[in-house]
Amino acid sequence: MALVEGTTYTGVRKLFGWLEAATFEITLEGGKTVHMQAQVPHEEDYYVVVMVDAARFVDLWRQPLSSHREIALKTPETWPGDYKYSYAVDGFSHGAENPVPLAQVSCWRSASDIVEYESRFYFFKRKVIVGRAGDPSLSFVNGITRTIYLLSNGAKSFPVLCERRAANLLVELAGCQNSQPIVLSTLKAA
């Protein structure tokens, strides 16, 4: 079932004989596809799947308060030079039989201005506002290298895991048009 253009939900299945996982197929530039998965929880759904638009996701990741912003500020041409990029190439090469886990992210808006003090001369410091109250930001729990692999290979959209409490904000800031967070335990019955 196509969730959004470029990403298809391929169902819940057992991987490795024991891991129950929701699986997804992502179309890259040139029509190549890669496969990803998210473990279906047997208890409370702490994380949900959010379908993100690649361009909007990068814009959010490049915000001043986002984690690992120095990586986000690179380009699809330079991301393959990342020291762990070859691990993503290898991970995605195993196809549908061994899908790669979704990246886990969170997002929020800053509750207050974020300031840093910049040294000026030897004894003086200047207060610099690096983020304003209400500014959005994105952080990764894991999956940066998988994400830059998708981005550098032309994925237009892809699924990520997001903390349930932050999912609606992520949809607002980087979600695909008309998408909603997907509660993994509801896919089990599907």
N, C-alpha and C. Protein backbone atom coordinates (compact mmCIF):
# COMPACT_ATOMS: atom_id res chain seq x y z
N MET A 1 0.85 -1.17 0.00
CA MET A 1 0.00 0.00 0.00
C MET A 1 0.90 1.24 0.00
N ALA A 2 0.74 2.09 -1.01
CA ALA A 2 1.53 3.32 -1.10
C ALA A 2 1.03 4.30 -0.03
N LEU A 3 1.94 4.75 0.82
CA LEU A 3 1.59 5.71 1.86
C LEU A 3 1.67 7.13 1.32
N VAL A 4 2.76 7.41 0.63
CA VAL A 4 2.99 8.69 -0.03
C VAL A 4 3.82 8.37 -1.27
N GLU A 5 3.92 9.33 -2.15
CA GLU A 5 4.73 9.09 -3.35
C GLU A 5 6.16 8.75 -2.95
N GLY A 6 6.63 7.59 -3.41
CA GLY A 6 8.00 7.18 -3.14
C GLY A 6 8.17 6.23 -1.97
N THR A 7 7.12 6.03 -1.17
CA THR A 7 7.23 5.12 -0.02
C THR A 7 6.00 4.23 0.04
N THR A 8 6.25 2.93 0.15
CA THR A 8 5.18 1.94 0.20
C THR A 8 5.29 1.13 1.49
N TYR A 9 4.18 0.97 2.17
CA TYR A 9 4.10 0.07 3.32
C TYR A 9 3.90 -1.33 2.76
N THR A 10 4.80 -2.26 3.08
CA THR A 10 4.72 -3.59 2.49
C THR A 10 4.17 -4.64 3.46
N GLY A 11 3.81 -4.25 4.67
CA GLY A 11 3.16 -5.17 5.59
C GLY A 11 3.96 -5.46 6.83
N VAL A 12 3.31 -6.18 7.75
CA VAL A 12 3.96 -6.66 8.96
C VAL A 12 4.36 -8.10 8.72
N ARG A 13 5.60 -8.41 9.02
CA ARG A 13 6.06 -9.80 8.84
C ARG A 13 7.14 -10.11 9.87
N LYS A 14 7.40 -11.39 10.01
CA LYS A 14 8.44 -11.83 10.94
C LYS A 14 9.78 -11.81 10.20
N LEU A 15 10.75 -11.17 10.81
CA LEU A 15 12.10 -11.14 10.29
C LEU A 15 12.97 -12.03 11.17
N PHE A 16 13.85 -12.78 10.57
CA PHE A 16 14.78 -13.64 11.29
C PHE A 16 14.06 -14.69 12.14
N GLY A 17 12.79 -14.94 11.83
CA GLY A 17 12.02 -15.95 12.53
C GLY A 17 11.40 -15.52 13.84
N TRP A 18 11.67 -14.29 14.29
CA TRP A 18 11.13 -13.88 15.59
C TRP A 18 10.72 -12.42 15.69
N LEU A 19 11.33 -11.53 14.92
CA LEU A 19 11.08 -10.09 15.05
C LEU A 19 9.89 -9.68 14.20
N GLU A 20 8.81 -9.28 14.85
CA GLU A 20 7.64 -8.81 14.12
C GLU A 20 7.86 -7.33 13.77
N ALA A 21 7.85 -7.03 12.47
CA ALA A 21 8.20 -5.68 12.04
C ALA A 21 7.31 -5.21 10.90
N ALA A 22 7.00 -3.91 10.94
CA ALA A 22 6.34 -3.25 9.81
C ALA A 22 7.43 -2.93 8.80
N THR A 23 7.19 -3.24 7.54
CA THR A 23 8.23 -3.05 6.52
C THR A 23 7.80 -2.02 5.48
N PHE A 24 8.79 -1.32 4.96
CA PHE A 24 8.55 -0.23 4.02
C PHE A 24 9.54 -0.34 2.86
N GLU A 25 9.08 0.07 1.69
CA GLU A 25 9.93 0.13 0.50
C GLU A 25 10.03 1.59 0.08
N ILE A 26 11.25 2.08 -0.06
CA ILE A 26 11.49 3.47 -0.43
C ILE A 26 12.11 3.50 -1.81
N THR A 27 11.55 4.32 -2.69
CA THR A 27 12.07 4.46 -4.05
C THR A 27 13.10 5.57 -4.08
N LEU A 28 14.27 5.24 -4.64
CA LEU A 28 15.35 6.21 -4.80
C LEU A 28 15.38 6.71 -6.23
N GLU A 29 16.24 7.67 -6.48
CA GLU A 29 16.43 8.21 -7.82
C GLU A 29 16.79 7.07 -8.78
N GLY A 30 16.24 7.11 -9.96
CA GLY A 30 16.52 6.07 -10.94
C GLY A 30 15.68 4.82 -10.77
N GLY A 31 14.74 4.82 -9.81
CA GLY A 31 13.84 3.70 -9.63
C GLY A 31 14.34 2.59 -8.73
N LYS A 32 15.57 2.67 -8.24
CA LYS A 32 16.08 1.67 -7.30
C LYS A 32 15.26 1.75 -6.01
N THR A 33 15.05 0.60 -5.36
CA THR A 33 14.32 0.61 -4.10
C THR A 33 15.19 0.04 -2.98
N VAL A 34 14.93 0.54 -1.76
CA VAL A 34 15.56 0.02 -0.56
C VAL A 34 14.46 -0.30 0.44
N HIS A 35 14.81 -1.10 1.46
CA HIS A 35 13.80 -1.58 2.40
C HIS A 35 14.18 -1.21 3.83
N MET A 36 13.16 -0.82 4.58
CA MET A 36 13.35 -0.43 5.97
C MET A 36 12.29 -1.10 6.83
N GLN A 37 12.54 -1.13 8.14
CA GLN A 37 11.60 -1.77 9.04
C GLN A 37 11.55 -1.07 10.39
N ALA A 38 10.41 -1.28 11.08
CA ALA A 38 10.23 -0.80 12.45
C ALA A 38 9.60 -1.93 13.24
N GLN A 39 10.21 -2.28 14.35
CA GLN A 39 9.68 -3.34 15.18
C GLN A 39 8.30 -2.96 15.70
N VAL A 40 7.36 -3.90 15.62
CA VAL A 40 6.01 -3.67 16.14
C VAL A 40 6.05 -3.94 17.64
N PRO A 41 5.70 -2.94 18.45
CA PRO A 41 5.78 -3.13 19.91
C PRO A 41 4.68 -4.06 20.42
N HIS A 42 4.99 -4.73 21.50
CA HIS A 42 4.01 -5.59 22.14
C HIS A 42 3.42 -4.93 23.37
N GLU A 43 3.88 -3.72 23.65
CA GLU A 43 3.37 -2.95 24.77
C GLU A 43 2.94 -1.58 24.26
N GLU A 44 3.23 -0.55 25.03
CA GLU A 44 2.84 0.81 24.65
C GLU A 44 3.65 1.31 23.46
N ASP A 45 2.98 2.04 22.57
CA ASP A 45 3.66 2.64 21.42
C ASP A 45 4.32 3.94 21.85
N TYR A 46 5.62 3.90 22.16
CA TYR A 46 6.35 5.11 22.53
C TYR A 46 6.73 5.90 21.28
N TYR A 47 7.05 5.15 20.21
CA TYR A 47 7.38 5.76 18.93
C TYR A 47 6.28 5.46 17.93
N VAL A 48 6.09 6.37 16.99
CA VAL A 48 5.17 6.19 15.87
C VAL A 48 5.95 6.47 14.58
N VAL A 49 5.42 6.01 13.46
CA VAL A 49 6.05 6.25 12.16
C VAL A 49 5.49 7.55 11.59
N VAL A 50 6.39 8.40 11.12
CA VAL A 50 6.00 9.64 10.44
C VAL A 50 6.63 9.60 9.05
N MET A 51 5.81 9.84 8.05
CA MET A 51 6.30 9.91 6.67
C MET A 51 6.78 11.35 6.44
N VAL A 52 8.07 11.51 6.18
CA VAL A 52 8.61 12.86 6.00
C VAL A 52 8.93 13.13 4.54
N ASP A 53 8.75 14.38 4.16
CA ASP A 53 9.15 14.88 2.86
C ASP A 53 10.64 15.21 2.97
N ALA A 54 11.45 14.67 2.11
CA ALA A 54 12.90 14.80 2.22
C ALA A 54 13.36 16.26 2.29
N ALA A 55 12.86 17.10 1.41
CA ALA A 55 13.31 18.51 1.38
C ALA A 55 12.90 19.24 2.66
N ARG A 56 11.68 19.03 3.13
CA ARG A 56 11.22 19.67 4.36
C ARG A 56 11.99 19.15 5.57
N PHE A 57 12.31 17.85 5.56
CA PHE A 57 13.07 17.25 6.65
C PHE A 57 14.46 17.88 6.74
N VAL A 58 15.14 18.02 5.62
CA VAL A 58 16.47 18.64 5.61
C VAL A 58 16.37 20.09 6.09
N ASP A 59 15.35 20.82 5.65
CA ASP A 59 15.18 22.21 6.11
C ASP A 59 15.05 22.26 7.63
N LEU A 60 14.28 21.35 8.20
CA LEU A 60 14.13 21.30 9.66
C LEU A 60 15.45 20.94 10.32
N TRP A 61 16.13 19.95 9.79
CA TRP A 61 17.40 19.50 10.36
C TRP A 61 18.45 20.60 10.31
N ARG A 62 18.37 21.49 9.37
CA ARG A 62 19.35 22.58 9.24
C ARG A 62 19.07 23.77 10.16
N GLN A 63 18.03 23.70 10.95
CA GLN A 63 17.73 24.80 11.88
C GLN A 63 18.83 24.91 12.93
N PRO A 64 19.09 26.12 13.43
CA PRO A 64 20.23 26.35 14.32
C PRO A 64 20.28 25.47 15.57
N LEU A 65 19.15 25.06 16.11
CA LEU A 65 19.17 24.29 17.36
C LEU A 65 19.15 22.78 17.15
N SER A 66 19.13 22.32 15.91
CA SER A 66 19.07 20.88 15.63
C SER A 66 20.39 20.19 15.95
N SER A 67 20.30 18.93 16.34
CA SER A 67 21.52 18.16 16.62
C SER A 67 22.20 17.75 15.31
N HIS A 68 23.49 17.60 15.37
CA HIS A 68 24.29 17.17 14.22
C HIS A 68 24.05 18.04 12.98
N ARG A 69 23.84 19.32 13.23
CA ARG A 69 23.55 20.27 12.15
C ARG A 69 24.70 20.35 11.15
N GLU A 70 25.92 20.13 11.62
CA GLU A 70 27.08 20.20 10.73
C GLU A 70 26.97 19.15 9.62
N ILE A 71 26.32 18.04 9.88
CA ILE A 71 26.10 17.02 8.85
C ILE A 71 24.98 17.47 7.92
N ALA A 72 23.92 18.02 8.51
CA ALA A 72 22.78 18.48 7.71
C ALA A 72 23.19 19.56 6.72
N LEU A 73 24.16 20.37 7.08
CA LEU A 73 24.58 21.48 6.22
C LEU A 73 25.42 21.02 5.02
N LYS A 74 25.80 19.75 5.02
CA LYS A 74 26.50 19.22 3.84
C LYS A 74 25.48 18.99 2.73
N THR A 75 25.91 18.39 1.64
CA THR A 75 25.03 18.23 0.47
C THR A 75 24.97 16.76 0.04
N PRO A 76 24.01 16.43 -0.83
CA PRO A 76 23.96 15.06 -1.35
C PRO A 76 25.27 14.64 -2.03
N GLU A 77 26.02 15.58 -2.53
CA GLU A 77 27.30 15.26 -3.17
C GLU A 77 28.39 14.98 -2.14
N THR A 78 28.31 15.60 -0.98
CA THR A 78 29.36 15.41 0.03
C THR A 78 29.02 14.36 1.09
N TRP A 79 27.73 14.06 1.29
CA TRP A 79 27.36 13.05 2.30
C TRP A 79 28.03 11.69 2.08
N PRO A 80 28.20 11.22 0.85
CA PRO A 80 28.87 9.93 0.68
C PRO A 80 30.29 9.90 1.24
N GLY A 81 30.88 11.03 1.51
CA GLY A 81 32.22 11.08 2.11
C GLY A 81 32.20 10.90 3.62
N ASP A 82 31.03 10.79 4.23
CA ASP A 82 30.93 10.59 5.67
C ASP A 82 31.63 9.28 6.05
N TYR A 83 32.31 9.28 7.17
CA TYR A 83 33.13 8.11 7.55
C TYR A 83 32.32 6.84 7.77
N LYS A 84 31.01 6.94 8.04
CA LYS A 84 30.20 5.74 8.25
C LYS A 84 29.30 5.42 7.05
N TYR A 85 29.38 6.19 6.00
CA TYR A 85 28.47 6.03 4.85
C TYR A 85 28.53 4.61 4.26
N SER A 86 29.71 4.01 4.22
CA SER A 86 29.84 2.66 3.64
C SER A 86 29.03 1.64 4.44
N TYR A 87 28.83 1.88 5.74
CA TYR A 87 28.00 0.98 6.54
C TYR A 87 26.54 1.03 6.07
N ALA A 88 26.07 2.20 5.71
CA ALA A 88 24.70 2.32 5.20
C ALA A 88 24.59 1.64 3.83
N VAL A 89 25.58 1.82 3.00
CA VAL A 89 25.58 1.16 1.68
C VAL A 89 25.46 -0.35 1.88
N ASP A 90 26.26 -0.89 2.78
CA ASP A 90 26.21 -2.32 3.06
C ASP A 90 24.86 -2.72 3.65
N GLY A 91 24.38 -1.97 4.62
CA GLY A 91 23.10 -2.30 5.27
C GLY A 91 21.94 -2.33 4.29
N PHE A 92 21.85 -1.34 3.43
CA PHE A 92 20.76 -1.28 2.46
C PHE A 92 20.91 -2.32 1.35
N SER A 93 22.10 -2.87 1.16
CA SER A 93 22.32 -3.82 0.07
C SER A 93 21.65 -5.17 0.29
N HIS A 94 21.20 -5.44 1.50
CA HIS A 94 20.61 -6.75 1.82
C HIS A 94 19.15 -6.88 1.42
N GLY A 95 18.53 -5.80 0.99
CA GLY A 95 17.18 -5.85 0.43
C GLY A 95 16.08 -6.19 1.40
N ALA A 96 15.00 -6.73 0.87
CA ALA A 96 13.78 -6.99 1.63
C ALA A 96 13.97 -8.09 2.68
N GLU A 97 14.95 -8.95 2.48
CA GLU A 97 15.18 -10.04 3.44
C GLU A 97 15.77 -9.55 4.76
N ASN A 98 16.45 -8.42 4.72
CA ASN A 98 17.07 -7.86 5.92
C ASN A 98 16.94 -6.34 5.88
N PRO A 99 15.70 -5.83 6.05
CA PRO A 99 15.49 -4.37 5.95
C PRO A 99 16.20 -3.61 7.08
N VAL A 100 16.61 -2.42 6.77
CA VAL A 100 17.33 -1.55 7.69
C VAL A 100 16.33 -0.89 8.65
N PRO A 101 16.67 -0.76 9.93
CA PRO A 101 15.77 -0.08 10.87
C PRO A 101 15.56 1.39 10.50
N LEU A 102 14.37 1.90 10.77
CA LEU A 102 14.08 3.32 10.56
C LEU A 102 14.93 4.16 11.50
N ALA A 103 15.28 5.35 11.07
CA ALA A 103 15.94 6.31 11.96
C ALA A 103 14.95 6.73 13.03
N GLN A 104 15.47 7.03 14.22
CA GLN A 104 14.63 7.53 15.32
C GLN A 104 14.97 8.99 15.55
N VAL A 105 13.94 9.83 15.56
CA VAL A 105 14.14 11.27 15.73
C VAL A 105 13.15 11.84 16.74
N SER A 106 13.42 13.05 17.13
CA SER A 106 12.48 13.81 17.93
C SER A 106 12.52 15.25 17.43
N CYS A 107 11.49 15.99 17.70
CA CYS A 107 11.50 17.40 17.33
C CYS A 107 10.71 18.20 18.34
N TRP A 108 11.04 19.46 18.45
CA TRP A 108 10.39 20.34 19.42
C TRP A 108 10.61 21.78 19.01
N ARG A 109 9.91 22.65 19.73
CA ARG A 109 10.14 24.09 19.59
C ARG A 109 10.78 24.57 20.89
N SER A 110 11.76 25.44 20.77
CA SER A 110 12.46 25.95 21.93
C SER A 110 11.50 26.73 22.82
N ALA A 111 11.58 26.49 24.12
CA ALA A 111 10.69 27.17 25.07
C ALA A 111 11.17 28.59 25.38
N SER A 112 12.45 28.85 25.14
CA SER A 112 12.99 30.19 25.42
C SER A 112 14.14 30.47 24.49
N ASP A 113 14.62 31.70 24.50
CA ASP A 113 15.79 32.04 23.71
C ASP A 113 16.98 31.23 24.22
N ILE A 114 17.82 30.80 23.30
CA ILE A 114 19.04 30.08 23.65
C ILE A 114 20.20 31.03 23.38
N VAL A 115 21.01 31.27 24.42
CA VAL A 115 22.12 32.21 24.28
C VAL A 115 23.44 31.52 24.54
N GLU A 116 24.45 32.03 23.89
CA GLU A 116 25.83 31.62 24.14
C GLU A 116 26.63 32.90 24.36
N TYR A 117 27.74 32.76 25.01
CA TYR A 117 28.62 33.91 25.23
C TYR A 117 29.87 33.73 24.40
N GLU A 118 30.13 34.72 23.58
CA GLU A 118 31.25 34.70 22.65
C GLU A 118 32.35 35.58 23.22
N SER A 119 33.55 35.04 23.28
CA SER A 119 34.69 35.82 23.79
C SER A 119 35.06 36.91 22.79
N ARG A 120 35.29 38.09 23.33
CA ARG A 120 35.71 39.24 22.53
C ARG A 120 36.96 39.80 23.21
N PHE A 121 38.01 39.87 22.50
CA PHE A 121 39.28 40.28 23.05
C PHE A 121 39.66 39.30 24.16
N TYR A 122 40.24 39.74 25.25
CA TYR A 122 40.66 38.79 26.28
C TYR A 122 39.69 38.69 27.45
N PHE A 123 39.07 39.80 27.82
CA PHE A 123 38.27 39.80 29.04
C PHE A 123 36.79 40.02 28.81
N PHE A 124 36.43 40.37 27.61
CA PHE A 124 35.04 40.72 27.36
C PHE A 124 34.30 39.57 26.68
N LYS A 125 33.05 39.45 27.04
CA LYS A 125 32.20 38.45 26.40
C LYS A 125 30.96 39.14 25.87
N ARG A 126 30.50 38.64 24.75
CA ARG A 126 29.31 39.19 24.13
C ARG A 126 28.23 38.11 24.11
N LYS A 127 27.03 38.50 24.49
CA LYS A 127 25.89 37.58 24.49
C LYS A 127 25.36 37.46 23.05
N VAL A 128 25.25 36.21 22.58
CA VAL A 128 24.76 35.96 21.23
C VAL A 128 23.55 35.04 21.32
N ILE A 129 22.46 35.46 20.72
CA ILE A 129 21.26 34.61 20.70
C ILE A 129 21.39 33.65 19.52
N VAL A 130 21.45 32.35 19.81
CA VAL A 130 21.61 31.35 18.75
C VAL A 130 20.27 30.72 18.36
N GLY A 131 19.27 30.91 19.19
CA GLY A 131 17.94 30.39 18.87
C GLY A 131 16.88 31.16 19.63
N ARG A 132 15.80 31.42 18.97
CA ARG A 132 14.70 32.18 19.57
C ARG A 132 13.62 31.24 20.11
N ALA A 133 12.91 31.72 21.11
CA ALA A 133 11.77 30.96 21.64
C ALA A 133 10.83 30.63 20.48
N GLY A 134 10.43 29.38 20.41
CA GLY A 134 9.52 28.95 19.35
C GLY A 134 10.22 28.39 18.13
N ASP A 135 11.55 28.54 18.03
CA ASP A 135 12.28 27.98 16.89
C ASP A 135 12.20 26.45 16.92
N PRO A 136 11.99 25.83 15.76
CA PRO A 136 11.93 24.37 15.71
C PRO A 136 13.32 23.76 15.67
N SER A 137 13.41 22.50 16.10
CA SER A 137 14.66 21.78 15.99
C SER A 137 14.38 20.29 15.88
N LEU A 138 15.37 19.57 15.39
CA LEU A 138 15.29 18.13 15.17
C LEU A 138 16.49 17.49 15.84
N SER A 139 16.28 16.36 16.49
CA SER A 139 17.42 15.60 17.01
C SER A 139 17.26 14.14 16.64
N PHE A 140 18.39 13.48 16.52
CA PHE A 140 18.42 12.06 16.18
C PHE A 140 18.72 11.24 17.42
N VAL A 141 17.97 10.16 17.63
CA VAL A 141 18.33 9.15 18.61
C VAL A 141 19.33 8.22 17.93
N ASN A 142 19.04 7.83 16.69
CA ASN A 142 19.97 7.09 15.85
C ASN A 142 19.50 7.17 14.41
N GLY A 143 20.36 6.81 13.49
CA GLY A 143 19.96 6.74 12.09
C GLY A 143 20.43 7.87 11.20
N ILE A 144 21.40 8.65 11.63
CA ILE A 144 21.88 9.75 10.79
C ILE A 144 22.45 9.22 9.47
N THR A 145 23.28 8.19 9.54
CA THR A 145 23.93 7.69 8.32
C THR A 145 22.90 7.09 7.36
N ARG A 146 21.92 6.37 7.90
CA ARG A 146 20.85 5.84 7.04
C ARG A 146 20.10 6.97 6.36
N THR A 147 19.88 8.05 7.12
CA THR A 147 19.15 9.19 6.57
C THR A 147 19.94 9.87 5.45
N ILE A 148 21.24 10.10 5.66
CA ILE A 148 22.00 10.76 4.60
C ILE A 148 22.16 9.85 3.39
N TYR A 149 22.13 8.53 3.60
CA TYR A 149 22.14 7.61 2.45
C TYR A 149 20.88 7.83 1.61
N LEU A 150 19.72 7.87 2.26
CA LEU A 150 18.46 8.08 1.53
C LEU A 150 18.47 9.42 0.81
N LEU A 151 18.91 10.46 1.51
CA LEU A 151 18.92 11.80 0.92
C LEU A 151 19.89 11.91 -0.25
N SER A 152 21.07 11.33 -0.11
CA SER A 152 22.06 11.44 -1.19
C SER A 152 21.71 10.57 -2.38
N ASN A 153 20.78 9.63 -2.20
CA ASN A 153 20.35 8.77 -3.30
C ASN A 153 18.98 9.17 -3.84
N GLY A 154 18.53 10.38 -3.49
CA GLY A 154 17.35 10.95 -4.13
C GLY A 154 15.99 10.51 -3.61
N ALA A 155 15.91 9.98 -2.39
CA ALA A 155 14.59 9.65 -1.83
C ALA A 155 13.81 10.95 -1.68
N LYS A 156 12.58 10.96 -2.15
CA LYS A 156 11.72 12.15 -2.03
C LYS A 156 10.96 12.15 -0.71
N SER A 157 10.73 10.95 -0.17
CA SER A 157 10.05 10.79 1.11
C SER A 157 10.58 9.52 1.75
N PHE A 158 10.43 9.43 3.07
CA PHE A 158 10.83 8.21 3.78
C PHE A 158 10.22 8.23 5.17
N PRO A 159 10.08 7.03 5.76
CA PRO A 159 9.53 6.95 7.11
C PRO A 159 10.62 7.09 8.16
N VAL A 160 10.27 7.70 9.29
CA VAL A 160 11.14 7.76 10.46
C VAL A 160 10.31 7.40 11.68
N LEU A 161 10.96 6.96 12.72
CA LEU A 161 10.29 6.78 14.01
C LEU A 161 10.44 8.08 14.78
N CYS A 162 9.36 8.51 15.40
CA CYS A 162 9.38 9.75 16.18
C CYS A 162 8.67 9.49 17.50
N GLU A 163 9.16 10.11 18.56
CA GLU A 163 8.46 10.01 19.83
C GLU A 163 7.02 10.44 19.61
N ARG A 164 6.11 9.66 20.17
CA ARG A 164 4.69 9.91 19.94
C ARG A 164 4.29 11.34 20.32
N ARG A 165 4.85 11.86 21.42
CA ARG A 165 4.47 13.20 21.89
C ARG A 165 4.94 14.30 20.94
N ALA A 166 5.92 14.01 20.07
CA ALA A 166 6.45 15.01 19.14
C ALA A 166 6.01 14.78 17.70
N ALA A 167 5.26 13.73 17.47
CA ALA A 167 4.94 13.32 16.10
C ALA A 167 4.10 14.35 15.34
N ASN A 168 3.10 14.93 15.98
CA ASN A 168 2.27 15.91 15.27
C ASN A 168 3.08 17.14 14.86
N LEU A 169 4.02 17.55 15.69
CA LEU A 169 4.88 18.67 15.33
C LEU A 169 5.78 18.30 14.16
N LEU A 170 6.32 17.08 14.16
CA LEU A 170 7.15 16.65 13.03
C LEU A 170 6.34 16.61 11.74
N VAL A 171 5.10 16.14 11.83
CA VAL A 171 4.24 16.14 10.64
C VAL A 171 4.04 17.58 10.14
N GLU A 172 3.79 18.49 11.06
CA GLU A 172 3.58 19.90 10.70
C GLU A 172 4.82 20.50 10.03
N LEU A 173 6.00 20.20 10.56
CA LEU A 173 7.22 20.84 10.10
C LEU A 173 7.90 20.14 8.93
N ALA A 174 7.75 18.80 8.83
CA ALA A 174 8.48 18.07 7.80
C ALA A 174 7.70 16.92 7.18
N GLY A 175 6.47 16.74 7.60
CA GLY A 175 5.69 15.60 7.11
C GLY A 175 5.26 15.76 5.66
N CYS A 176 5.00 14.61 5.05
CA CYS A 176 4.44 14.61 3.70
C CYS A 176 3.02 15.16 3.74
N GLN A 177 2.61 15.75 2.64
CA GLN A 177 1.28 16.34 2.55
C GLN A 177 0.21 15.29 2.87
N ASN A 178 -0.76 15.68 3.69
CA ASN A 178 -1.90 14.84 4.09
C ASN A 178 -1.50 13.57 4.83
N SER A 179 -0.32 13.54 5.44
CA SER A 179 0.07 12.35 6.19
C SER A 179 -0.25 12.54 7.67
N GLN A 180 -0.38 11.44 8.36
CA GLN A 180 -0.63 11.42 9.80
C GLN A 180 0.34 10.42 10.43
N PRO A 181 0.66 10.59 11.72
CA PRO A 181 1.51 9.60 12.38
C PRO A 181 0.83 8.22 12.33
N ILE A 182 1.64 7.19 12.19
CA ILE A 182 1.14 5.82 12.12
C ILE A 182 1.53 5.09 13.40
N VAL A 183 0.53 4.66 14.15
CA VAL A 183 0.76 3.91 15.37
C VAL A 183 1.06 2.47 14.98
N LEU A 184 2.26 2.00 15.31
CA LEU A 184 2.72 0.69 14.83
C LEU A 184 1.81 -0.46 15.28
N SER A 185 1.31 -0.41 16.50
CA SER A 185 0.49 -1.52 16.96
C SER A 185 -0.81 -1.66 16.18
N THR A 186 -1.25 -0.58 15.51
CA THR A 186 -2.46 -0.69 14.69
C THR A 186 -2.18 -1.41 13.38
N LEU A 187 -0.93 -1.44 12.97
CA LEU A 187 -0.57 -2.14 11.73
C LEU A 187 -0.57 -3.65 11.93
N LYS A 188 -0.40 -4.09 13.16
CA LYS A 188 -0.35 -5.52 13.47
C LYS A 188 -1.61 -6.22 12.97
N ALA A 189 -2.74 -5.58 13.16
CA ALA A 189 -4.02 -6.18 12.77
C ALA A 189 -4.27 -6.05 11.29
N ALA A 190 -3.58 -5.14 10.64
CA ALA A 190 -3.83 -4.88 9.22
C ALA A 190 -3.40 -6.02 8.33
